[in-house]
């Protein structure tokens, strides 16, 4: 395993991973709270984070088809709330200003990948099995037709007109 890396499975089990994620969520909320205080906004401060999306992958230098590749490229995406993003301006998280992109639908992406990589492969395998079965049936039918033609030739050849 490369230095300073852990497997994807271990990553999500590490308390320090989740402590860091929670710390980031609290830090962002505190930053928003301080902004409300500066601007004398009298309201409850909403959470700045809608969720945390985990993304897993293999070590980037390994080939995608390498079964021995180390699965240690997991990372987290902090999904900021729209309210938090709307507060961003030149003086508050300037780099996030105008970044209202919709969250990636990981469930849909996973389902599409599964369909593309696994289900279509299984479907193609089933089609091959069906094609082989039909080929065998056609071969059997062809042999029967050849037998019928042979019998007809014998029958016609044995009769005198």
N, C-alpha and C. Protein backbone atom coordinates (compact mmCIF):
# COMPACT_ATOMS: atom_id res chain seq x y z
N UNK A 1 0.85 -1.18 0.00
CA UNK A 1 0.00 0.00 0.00
C UNK A 1 0.89 1.24 0.00
N UNK A 2 0.54 2.24 -0.83
CA UNK A 2 1.33 3.47 -0.86
C UNK A 2 1.35 4.13 0.52
N UNK A 3 2.40 4.86 0.84
CA UNK A 3 2.45 5.52 2.15
C UNK A 3 1.30 6.50 2.32
N UNK A 4 0.78 6.59 3.52
CA UNK A 4 -0.29 7.50 3.91
C UNK A 4 -1.61 7.19 3.23
N UNK A 5 -1.78 5.95 2.82
CA UNK A 5 -3.03 5.54 2.21
C UNK A 5 -3.59 4.35 2.98
N UNK A 6 -4.91 4.25 2.99
CA UNK A 6 -5.58 3.10 3.58
C UNK A 6 -6.61 2.62 2.57
N UNK A 7 -7.09 1.41 2.75
CA UNK A 7 -8.11 0.90 1.83
C UNK A 7 -9.39 1.70 2.00
N UNK A 8 -10.24 1.65 0.97
CA UNK A 8 -11.52 2.37 1.02
C UNK A 8 -12.35 1.94 2.22
N UNK A 9 -12.39 0.62 2.47
CA UNK A 9 -13.18 0.08 3.57
C UNK A 9 -12.68 0.61 4.91
N UNK A 10 -11.35 0.64 5.07
CA UNK A 10 -10.78 1.12 6.33
C UNK A 10 -11.01 2.62 6.48
N UNK A 11 -10.94 3.35 5.37
CA UNK A 11 -11.14 4.79 5.41
C UNK A 11 -12.45 5.17 6.10
N UNK A 12 -13.53 4.53 5.70
CA UNK A 12 -14.84 4.91 6.26
C UNK A 12 -15.04 4.37 7.67
N UNK A 13 -14.13 3.52 8.13
CA UNK A 13 -14.21 3.00 9.50
C UNK A 13 -13.33 3.79 10.46
N UNK A 14 -12.48 4.63 9.93
CA UNK A 14 -11.56 5.39 10.79
C UNK A 14 -12.28 6.54 11.50
N UNK A 15 -12.20 6.60 12.80
CA UNK A 15 -12.80 7.72 13.52
C UNK A 15 -12.24 9.07 13.08
N UNK A 16 -10.94 9.13 12.77
CA UNK A 16 -10.35 10.41 12.38
C UNK A 16 -10.96 10.92 11.07
N UNK A 17 -11.37 10.03 10.19
CA UNK A 17 -12.02 10.45 8.94
C UNK A 17 -13.33 11.17 9.26
N UNK A 18 -14.17 10.55 10.10
CA UNK A 18 -15.47 11.13 10.44
C UNK A 18 -15.32 12.33 11.36
N UNK A 19 -14.32 12.33 12.25
CA UNK A 19 -14.08 13.50 13.09
C UNK A 19 -13.72 14.69 12.23
N UNK A 20 -12.91 14.46 11.20
CA UNK A 20 -12.53 15.54 10.28
C UNK A 20 -13.73 16.04 9.50
N UNK A 21 -14.55 15.12 9.02
CA UNK A 21 -15.76 15.51 8.26
C UNK A 21 -16.69 16.34 9.13
N UNK A 22 -16.90 15.91 10.38
CA UNK A 22 -17.78 16.65 11.30
C UNK A 22 -17.17 18.00 11.64
N UNK A 23 -15.87 18.04 11.84
CA UNK A 23 -15.18 19.30 12.13
C UNK A 23 -15.36 20.29 10.98
N UNK A 24 -15.27 19.82 9.75
CA UNK A 24 -15.47 20.69 8.58
C UNK A 24 -16.89 21.23 8.57
N UNK A 25 -17.87 20.38 8.84
CA UNK A 25 -19.28 20.82 8.87
C UNK A 25 -19.48 21.88 9.95
N UNK A 26 -18.93 21.66 11.11
CA UNK A 26 -19.06 22.63 12.22
C UNK A 26 -18.34 23.93 11.89
N UNK A 27 -17.14 23.82 11.29
CA UNK A 27 -16.37 25.00 10.92
C UNK A 27 -17.16 25.87 9.94
N UNK A 28 -17.75 25.25 8.94
CA UNK A 28 -18.52 26.01 7.96
C UNK A 28 -19.74 26.67 8.59
N UNK A 29 -20.39 25.97 9.51
CA UNK A 29 -21.54 26.55 10.21
C UNK A 29 -21.10 27.73 11.09
N UNK A 30 -19.96 27.57 11.74
CA UNK A 30 -19.43 28.65 12.58
C UNK A 30 -19.09 29.87 11.73
N UNK A 31 -18.49 29.62 10.55
CA UNK A 31 -18.18 30.73 9.63
C UNK A 31 -19.46 31.45 9.23
N UNK A 32 -20.52 30.70 8.95
CA UNK A 32 -21.79 31.30 8.56
C UNK A 32 -22.39 32.07 9.75
N UNK A 33 -22.28 31.49 10.94
CA UNK A 33 -22.77 32.15 12.15
C UNK A 33 -22.05 33.49 12.34
N UNK A 34 -20.73 33.48 12.19
CA UNK A 34 -19.96 34.72 12.33
C UNK A 34 -20.38 35.74 11.29
N UNK A 35 -20.68 35.30 10.09
CA UNK A 35 -21.14 36.22 9.04
C UNK A 35 -22.49 36.83 9.44
N UNK A 36 -23.38 36.02 10.00
CA UNK A 36 -24.67 36.53 10.47
C UNK A 36 -24.45 37.57 11.57
N UNK A 37 -23.51 37.29 12.48
CA UNK A 37 -23.22 38.23 13.57
C UNK A 37 -22.70 39.56 13.02
N UNK A 38 -21.76 39.48 12.04
CA UNK A 38 -21.21 40.68 11.42
C UNK A 38 -22.29 41.53 10.79
N UNK A 39 -23.22 40.86 10.11
CA UNK A 39 -24.29 41.57 9.40
C UNK A 39 -25.52 41.80 10.26
N UNK A 40 -25.42 41.45 11.54
CA UNK A 40 -26.50 41.65 12.51
C UNK A 40 -27.82 41.01 12.03
N UNK A 41 -27.69 39.78 11.51
CA UNK A 41 -28.86 39.03 11.07
C UNK A 41 -29.37 38.24 12.27
N UNK A 42 -30.63 38.45 12.62
CA UNK A 42 -31.24 37.78 13.78
C UNK A 42 -32.08 36.60 13.32
N UNK A 43 -31.48 35.47 13.19
CA UNK A 43 -32.20 34.26 12.80
C UNK A 43 -31.35 33.06 13.18
N UNK A 44 -31.99 31.88 13.17
CA UNK A 44 -31.21 30.66 13.40
C UNK A 44 -30.28 30.44 12.23
N UNK A 45 -29.11 29.97 12.54
CA UNK A 45 -28.13 29.70 11.48
C UNK A 45 -28.34 28.28 10.99
N UNK A 46 -28.70 28.12 9.73
CA UNK A 46 -28.91 26.77 9.20
C UNK A 46 -27.56 26.05 9.02
N UNK A 47 -27.63 24.75 8.93
CA UNK A 47 -26.42 23.98 8.66
C UNK A 47 -25.92 24.32 7.28
N UNK A 48 -24.62 24.41 7.15
CA UNK A 48 -24.00 24.80 5.88
C UNK A 48 -23.82 23.62 4.93
N UNK A 49 -23.96 22.41 5.46
CA UNK A 49 -23.70 21.22 4.67
C UNK A 49 -24.97 20.38 4.56
N UNK A 50 -25.33 20.03 3.33
CA UNK A 50 -26.49 19.16 3.10
C UNK A 50 -26.13 17.69 3.28
N UNK A 51 -24.90 17.36 3.01
CA UNK A 51 -24.50 15.97 3.13
C UNK A 51 -23.05 15.77 2.77
N UNK A 52 -22.61 14.54 2.95
CA UNK A 52 -21.26 14.15 2.57
C UNK A 52 -21.37 12.94 1.66
N UNK A 53 -20.83 13.07 0.47
CA UNK A 53 -20.87 11.96 -0.50
C UNK A 53 -19.48 11.33 -0.55
N UNK A 54 -19.46 10.02 -0.45
CA UNK A 54 -18.20 9.30 -0.50
C UNK A 54 -17.98 8.77 -1.91
N UNK A 55 -16.76 8.86 -2.36
CA UNK A 55 -16.41 8.40 -3.70
C UNK A 55 -15.21 7.48 -3.56
N UNK A 56 -15.31 6.28 -4.11
CA UNK A 56 -14.23 5.31 -4.00
C UNK A 56 -13.63 5.04 -5.36
N UNK A 57 -12.38 4.66 -5.36
CA UNK A 57 -11.71 4.32 -6.60
C UNK A 57 -10.46 3.53 -6.32
N UNK A 58 -9.76 3.20 -7.37
CA UNK A 58 -8.50 2.45 -7.25
C UNK A 58 -7.34 3.43 -7.32
N UNK A 59 -6.20 2.98 -6.88
CA UNK A 59 -4.99 3.79 -6.97
C UNK A 59 -4.82 4.23 -8.42
N UNK A 60 -4.68 5.52 -8.65
CA UNK A 60 -4.78 6.08 -9.99
C UNK A 60 -3.73 5.56 -10.98
N UNK A 61 -2.59 5.11 -10.51
CA UNK A 61 -1.56 4.65 -11.45
C UNK A 61 -1.84 3.23 -11.93
N UNK A 62 -2.76 2.55 -11.30
CA UNK A 62 -3.09 1.18 -11.72
C UNK A 62 -4.09 1.22 -12.87
N UNK A 63 -4.02 0.22 -13.70
CA UNK A 63 -4.96 0.13 -14.81
C UNK A 63 -6.36 -0.17 -14.30
N UNK A 64 -7.34 0.27 -15.02
CA UNK A 64 -8.73 0.06 -14.60
C UNK A 64 -9.08 -1.42 -14.56
N UNK A 65 -8.40 -2.22 -15.35
CA UNK A 65 -8.72 -3.65 -15.38
C UNK A 65 -7.80 -4.49 -14.50
N UNK A 66 -6.88 -3.84 -13.81
CA UNK A 66 -5.94 -4.55 -12.95
C UNK A 66 -6.64 -4.98 -11.67
N UNK A 67 -6.87 -6.29 -11.52
CA UNK A 67 -7.58 -6.78 -10.34
C UNK A 67 -6.72 -6.68 -9.09
N UNK A 68 -5.41 -6.51 -9.24
CA UNK A 68 -4.53 -6.37 -8.09
C UNK A 68 -4.36 -4.92 -7.65
N UNK A 69 -5.03 -3.99 -8.33
CA UNK A 69 -4.91 -2.58 -7.98
C UNK A 69 -5.44 -2.35 -6.56
N UNK A 70 -4.78 -1.47 -5.86
CA UNK A 70 -5.15 -1.20 -4.47
C UNK A 70 -6.33 -0.23 -4.44
N UNK A 71 -7.37 -0.61 -3.74
CA UNK A 71 -8.54 0.26 -3.63
C UNK A 71 -8.32 1.21 -2.47
N UNK A 72 -7.63 2.30 -2.76
CA UNK A 72 -7.32 3.25 -1.67
C UNK A 72 -7.40 4.68 -2.18
N UNK A 73 -8.39 4.96 -2.97
CA UNK A 73 -8.53 6.32 -3.49
C UNK A 73 -9.86 6.93 -3.07
N UNK A 74 -10.39 6.46 -1.95
CA UNK A 74 -11.66 6.99 -1.46
C UNK A 74 -11.48 8.42 -0.97
N UNK A 75 -12.49 9.22 -1.19
CA UNK A 75 -12.49 10.58 -0.68
C UNK A 75 -13.92 11.06 -0.50
N UNK A 76 -14.06 12.17 0.19
CA UNK A 76 -15.39 12.69 0.50
C UNK A 76 -15.63 14.01 -0.23
N UNK A 77 -16.87 14.20 -0.62
CA UNK A 77 -17.31 15.47 -1.19
C UNK A 77 -18.26 16.10 -0.18
N UNK A 78 -17.95 17.30 0.25
CA UNK A 78 -18.82 18.03 1.17
C UNK A 78 -19.84 18.77 0.32
N UNK A 79 -21.11 18.39 0.47
CA UNK A 79 -22.19 18.98 -0.33
C UNK A 79 -22.76 20.17 0.42
N UNK A 80 -22.37 21.34 0.01
CA UNK A 80 -22.79 22.57 0.69
C UNK A 80 -24.24 22.88 0.38
N UNK A 81 -24.91 23.48 1.35
CA UNK A 81 -26.31 23.86 1.14
C UNK A 81 -26.38 25.05 0.19
N UNK A 82 -27.50 25.14 -0.49
CA UNK A 82 -27.72 26.26 -1.41
C UNK A 82 -27.68 27.58 -0.63
N UNK A 83 -28.24 27.57 0.58
CA UNK A 83 -28.23 28.78 1.41
C UNK A 83 -26.79 29.24 1.67
N UNK A 84 -25.92 28.30 1.99
CA UNK A 84 -24.52 28.65 2.26
C UNK A 84 -23.87 29.23 1.01
N UNK A 85 -24.08 28.58 -0.13
CA UNK A 85 -23.49 29.05 -1.38
C UNK A 85 -24.00 30.45 -1.73
N UNK A 86 -25.27 30.71 -1.47
CA UNK A 86 -25.83 32.04 -1.76
C UNK A 86 -25.19 33.13 -0.90
N UNK A 87 -24.66 32.77 0.26
CA UNK A 87 -24.01 33.75 1.13
C UNK A 87 -22.59 34.09 0.66
N UNK A 88 -22.03 33.27 -0.19
CA UNK A 88 -20.65 33.48 -0.65
C UNK A 88 -20.58 34.71 -1.54
N UNK A 89 -19.60 35.54 -1.25
CA UNK A 89 -19.36 36.73 -2.06
C UNK A 89 -17.86 37.03 -2.03
N UNK A 90 -17.47 38.21 -2.39
CA UNK A 90 -16.05 38.55 -2.45
C UNK A 90 -15.37 38.53 -1.09
N UNK A 91 -16.14 38.67 -0.01
CA UNK A 91 -15.52 38.69 1.32
C UNK A 91 -15.77 37.40 2.11
N UNK A 92 -16.56 36.50 1.56
CA UNK A 92 -16.91 35.27 2.29
C UNK A 92 -16.81 34.08 1.34
N UNK A 93 -15.78 33.27 1.51
CA UNK A 93 -15.53 32.10 0.67
C UNK A 93 -15.67 32.47 -0.82
N UNK A 94 -14.85 33.46 -1.21
CA UNK A 94 -14.91 34.01 -2.57
C UNK A 94 -14.84 32.94 -3.66
N UNK A 95 -14.03 31.90 -3.44
CA UNK A 95 -13.87 30.87 -4.48
C UNK A 95 -15.13 30.05 -4.70
N UNK A 96 -16.06 30.09 -3.75
CA UNK A 96 -17.30 29.33 -3.90
C UNK A 96 -18.43 30.16 -4.49
N UNK A 97 -18.19 31.43 -4.70
CA UNK A 97 -19.21 32.33 -5.23
C UNK A 97 -19.70 31.82 -6.59
N UNK A 98 -21.01 31.63 -6.72
CA UNK A 98 -21.60 31.22 -7.99
C UNK A 98 -21.44 29.74 -8.31
N UNK A 99 -21.12 28.91 -7.34
CA UNK A 99 -20.92 27.48 -7.60
C UNK A 99 -22.18 26.68 -7.27
N UNK A 100 -23.31 27.07 -7.84
CA UNK A 100 -24.56 26.37 -7.57
C UNK A 100 -24.79 25.25 -8.56
N UNK A 101 -23.86 24.34 -8.63
CA UNK A 101 -24.05 23.19 -9.50
C UNK A 101 -24.86 22.14 -8.73
N UNK A 102 -25.74 21.45 -9.42
CA UNK A 102 -26.51 20.41 -8.71
C UNK A 102 -25.59 19.29 -8.24
N UNK A 103 -25.95 18.70 -7.11
CA UNK A 103 -25.18 17.57 -6.60
C UNK A 103 -25.25 16.42 -7.59
N UNK A 104 -24.14 15.71 -7.72
CA UNK A 104 -24.16 14.54 -8.59
C UNK A 104 -25.05 13.47 -7.97
N UNK A 105 -25.86 12.87 -8.78
CA UNK A 105 -26.74 11.80 -8.32
C UNK A 105 -25.96 10.49 -8.37
N UNK A 106 -25.29 10.17 -7.25
CA UNK A 106 -24.43 9.00 -7.22
C UNK A 106 -25.22 7.70 -7.36
N UNK A 107 -26.44 7.67 -6.83
CA UNK A 107 -27.26 6.47 -6.97
C UNK A 107 -27.54 6.19 -8.44
N UNK A 108 -27.89 7.23 -9.16
CA UNK A 108 -28.17 7.07 -10.60
C UNK A 108 -26.91 6.67 -11.36
N UNK A 109 -25.79 7.34 -11.04
CA UNK A 109 -24.52 7.02 -11.71
C UNK A 109 -24.12 5.57 -11.45
N UNK A 110 -24.29 5.12 -10.20
CA UNK A 110 -23.96 3.73 -9.86
C UNK A 110 -24.87 2.76 -10.60
N UNK A 111 -26.17 3.10 -10.68
CA UNK A 111 -27.11 2.22 -11.38
C UNK A 111 -26.78 2.15 -12.86
N UNK A 112 -26.43 3.28 -13.46
CA UNK A 112 -26.07 3.29 -14.88
C UNK A 112 -24.80 2.50 -15.13
N UNK A 113 -23.82 2.64 -14.23
CA UNK A 113 -22.58 1.89 -14.39
C UNK A 113 -22.84 0.39 -14.24
N UNK A 114 -23.68 0.05 -13.26
CA UNK A 114 -23.99 -1.36 -13.07
C UNK A 114 -24.71 -1.93 -14.29
N UNK A 115 -25.64 -1.15 -14.85
CA UNK A 115 -26.35 -1.60 -16.04
C UNK A 115 -25.38 -1.77 -17.20
N UNK A 116 -24.50 -0.80 -17.37
CA UNK A 116 -23.56 -0.82 -18.49
C UNK A 116 -22.53 -1.94 -18.34
N UNK A 117 -21.98 -2.10 -17.14
CA UNK A 117 -20.88 -3.03 -16.94
C UNK A 117 -21.32 -4.45 -16.60
N UNK A 118 -22.39 -4.59 -15.87
CA UNK A 118 -22.77 -5.92 -15.40
C UNK A 118 -24.02 -6.47 -16.07
N UNK A 119 -25.08 -5.69 -16.06
CA UNK A 119 -26.34 -6.20 -16.58
C UNK A 119 -26.29 -6.41 -18.09
N UNK A 120 -25.70 -5.45 -18.82
CA UNK A 120 -25.62 -5.62 -20.26
C UNK A 120 -24.73 -6.81 -20.61
N UNK A 121 -23.67 -7.00 -19.82
CA UNK A 121 -22.80 -8.15 -20.04
C UNK A 121 -23.58 -9.44 -19.83
N UNK A 122 -24.37 -9.51 -18.78
CA UNK A 122 -25.19 -10.70 -18.52
C UNK A 122 -26.24 -10.87 -19.60
N UNK A 123 -26.81 -9.76 -20.06
CA UNK A 123 -27.82 -9.82 -21.13
C UNK A 123 -27.18 -10.34 -22.42
N UNK A 124 -25.98 -9.87 -22.74
CA UNK A 124 -25.29 -10.34 -23.94
C UNK A 124 -24.96 -11.83 -23.82
N UNK A 125 -24.59 -12.26 -22.64
CA UNK A 125 -24.30 -13.68 -22.42
C UNK A 125 -25.55 -14.51 -22.67
N UNK A 126 -26.69 -14.02 -22.17
CA UNK A 126 -27.96 -14.71 -22.37
C UNK A 126 -28.32 -14.76 -23.85
N UNK A 127 -28.05 -13.67 -24.58
CA UNK A 127 -28.31 -13.65 -26.02
C UNK A 127 -27.44 -14.67 -26.74
N UNK A 128 -26.17 -14.79 -26.33
CA UNK A 128 -25.28 -15.78 -26.94
C UNK A 128 -25.79 -17.19 -26.71
N UNK A 129 -26.26 -17.47 -25.49
CA UNK A 129 -26.80 -18.79 -25.17
C UNK A 129 -28.01 -19.07 -26.06
N UNK A 130 -28.89 -18.08 -26.20
CA UNK A 130 -30.09 -18.24 -27.03
C UNK A 130 -29.70 -18.43 -28.50
N UNK A 131 -28.71 -17.69 -28.97
CA UNK A 131 -28.27 -17.84 -30.36
C UNK A 131 -27.69 -19.24 -30.58
N UNK A 132 -26.91 -19.74 -29.64
CA UNK A 132 -26.36 -21.09 -29.77
C UNK A 132 -27.48 -22.13 -29.81
N UNK A 133 -28.50 -21.95 -28.97
CA UNK A 133 -29.65 -22.87 -28.95
C UNK A 133 -30.36 -22.84 -30.30
N UNK A 134 -30.57 -21.65 -30.85
CA UNK A 134 -31.24 -21.53 -32.15
C UNK A 134 -30.39 -22.13 -33.27
N UNK A 135 -29.07 -21.94 -33.20
CA UNK A 135 -28.18 -22.55 -34.21
C UNK A 135 -28.27 -24.06 -34.17
N UNK A 136 -28.30 -24.63 -32.97
CA UNK A 136 -28.44 -26.08 -32.84
C UNK A 136 -29.77 -26.55 -33.42
N UNK A 137 -30.83 -25.81 -33.17
CA UNK A 137 -32.16 -26.16 -33.68
C UNK A 137 -32.16 -26.08 -35.21
N UNK A 138 -31.53 -25.05 -35.76
CA UNK A 138 -31.46 -24.90 -37.22
C UNK A 138 -30.65 -26.04 -37.83
N UNK A 139 -29.55 -26.42 -37.18
CA UNK A 139 -28.74 -27.54 -37.69
C UNK A 139 -29.57 -28.82 -37.70
N UNK A 140 -30.32 -29.04 -36.63
CA UNK A 140 -31.16 -30.24 -36.54
C UNK A 140 -32.23 -30.22 -37.63
N UNK A 141 -32.86 -29.07 -37.86
CA UNK A 141 -33.88 -28.93 -38.90
C UNK A 141 -33.26 -29.15 -40.27
N UNK A 142 -32.08 -28.62 -40.48
CA UNK A 142 -31.39 -28.80 -41.76
C UNK A 142 -31.09 -30.28 -42.02
N UNK A 143 -30.65 -31.00 -41.00
CA UNK A 143 -30.39 -32.44 -41.15
C UNK A 143 -31.68 -33.19 -41.49
N UNK A 144 -32.78 -32.80 -40.86
CA UNK A 144 -34.07 -33.44 -41.14
C UNK A 144 -34.49 -33.19 -42.59
N UNK A 145 -34.34 -31.97 -43.05
CA UNK A 145 -34.70 -31.63 -44.44
C UNK A 145 -33.84 -32.43 -45.41
N UNK A 146 -32.53 -32.54 -45.10
CA UNK A 146 -31.65 -33.33 -45.96
C UNK A 146 -32.08 -34.80 -45.99
N UNK A 147 -32.51 -35.33 -44.84
CA UNK A 147 -33.01 -36.72 -44.79
C UNK A 147 -34.27 -36.88 -45.63
N UNK A 148 -35.19 -35.93 -45.53
CA UNK A 148 -36.44 -35.98 -46.29
C UNK A 148 -36.12 -35.94 -47.79
N UNK A 149 -35.22 -35.04 -48.20
CA UNK A 149 -34.83 -34.94 -49.61
C UNK A 149 -34.19 -36.25 -50.09
N UNK A 150 -33.37 -36.83 -49.24
CA UNK A 150 -32.72 -38.10 -49.59
C UNK A 150 -33.77 -39.20 -49.78
N UNK A 151 -34.74 -39.29 -48.87
CA UNK A 151 -35.81 -40.29 -49.00
C UNK A 151 -36.62 -40.04 -50.26
N UNK A 152 -36.91 -38.77 -50.56
CA UNK A 152 -37.67 -38.45 -51.77
C UNK A 152 -36.91 -38.86 -53.03
N UNK A 153 -35.60 -38.59 -53.04
CA UNK A 153 -34.80 -38.98 -54.21
C UNK A 153 -34.79 -40.50 -54.37
N UNK A 154 -34.68 -41.23 -53.27
CA UNK A 154 -34.72 -42.69 -53.33
C UNK A 154 -36.08 -43.17 -53.82
N UNK A 155 -37.14 -42.54 -53.30
CA UNK A 155 -38.49 -42.92 -53.67
C UNK A 155 -38.75 -42.65 -55.14
N UNK A 156 -38.37 -41.45 -55.59
CA UNK A 156 -38.59 -41.07 -56.98
C UNK A 156 -37.69 -41.92 -57.88
N UNK A 157 -36.47 -42.19 -57.48
CA UNK A 157 -35.54 -42.97 -58.27
C UNK A 157 -35.95 -44.43 -58.40
N UNK A 158 -36.66 -44.96 -57.43
CA UNK A 158 -37.06 -46.37 -57.45
C UNK A 158 -38.33 -46.58 -58.29
N UNK A 159 -39.04 -45.59 -58.65
CA UNK A 159 -40.29 -45.71 -59.43
C UNK A 159 -40.03 -45.53 -60.90
N UNK A 160 -40.65 -46.31 -61.65
CA UNK A 160 -40.55 -46.18 -63.09
C UNK A 160 -41.78 -45.48 -63.61
N UNK A 161 -41.56 -44.60 -64.53
CA UNK A 161 -42.69 -43.84 -65.09
C UNK A 161 -43.05 -44.35 -66.42
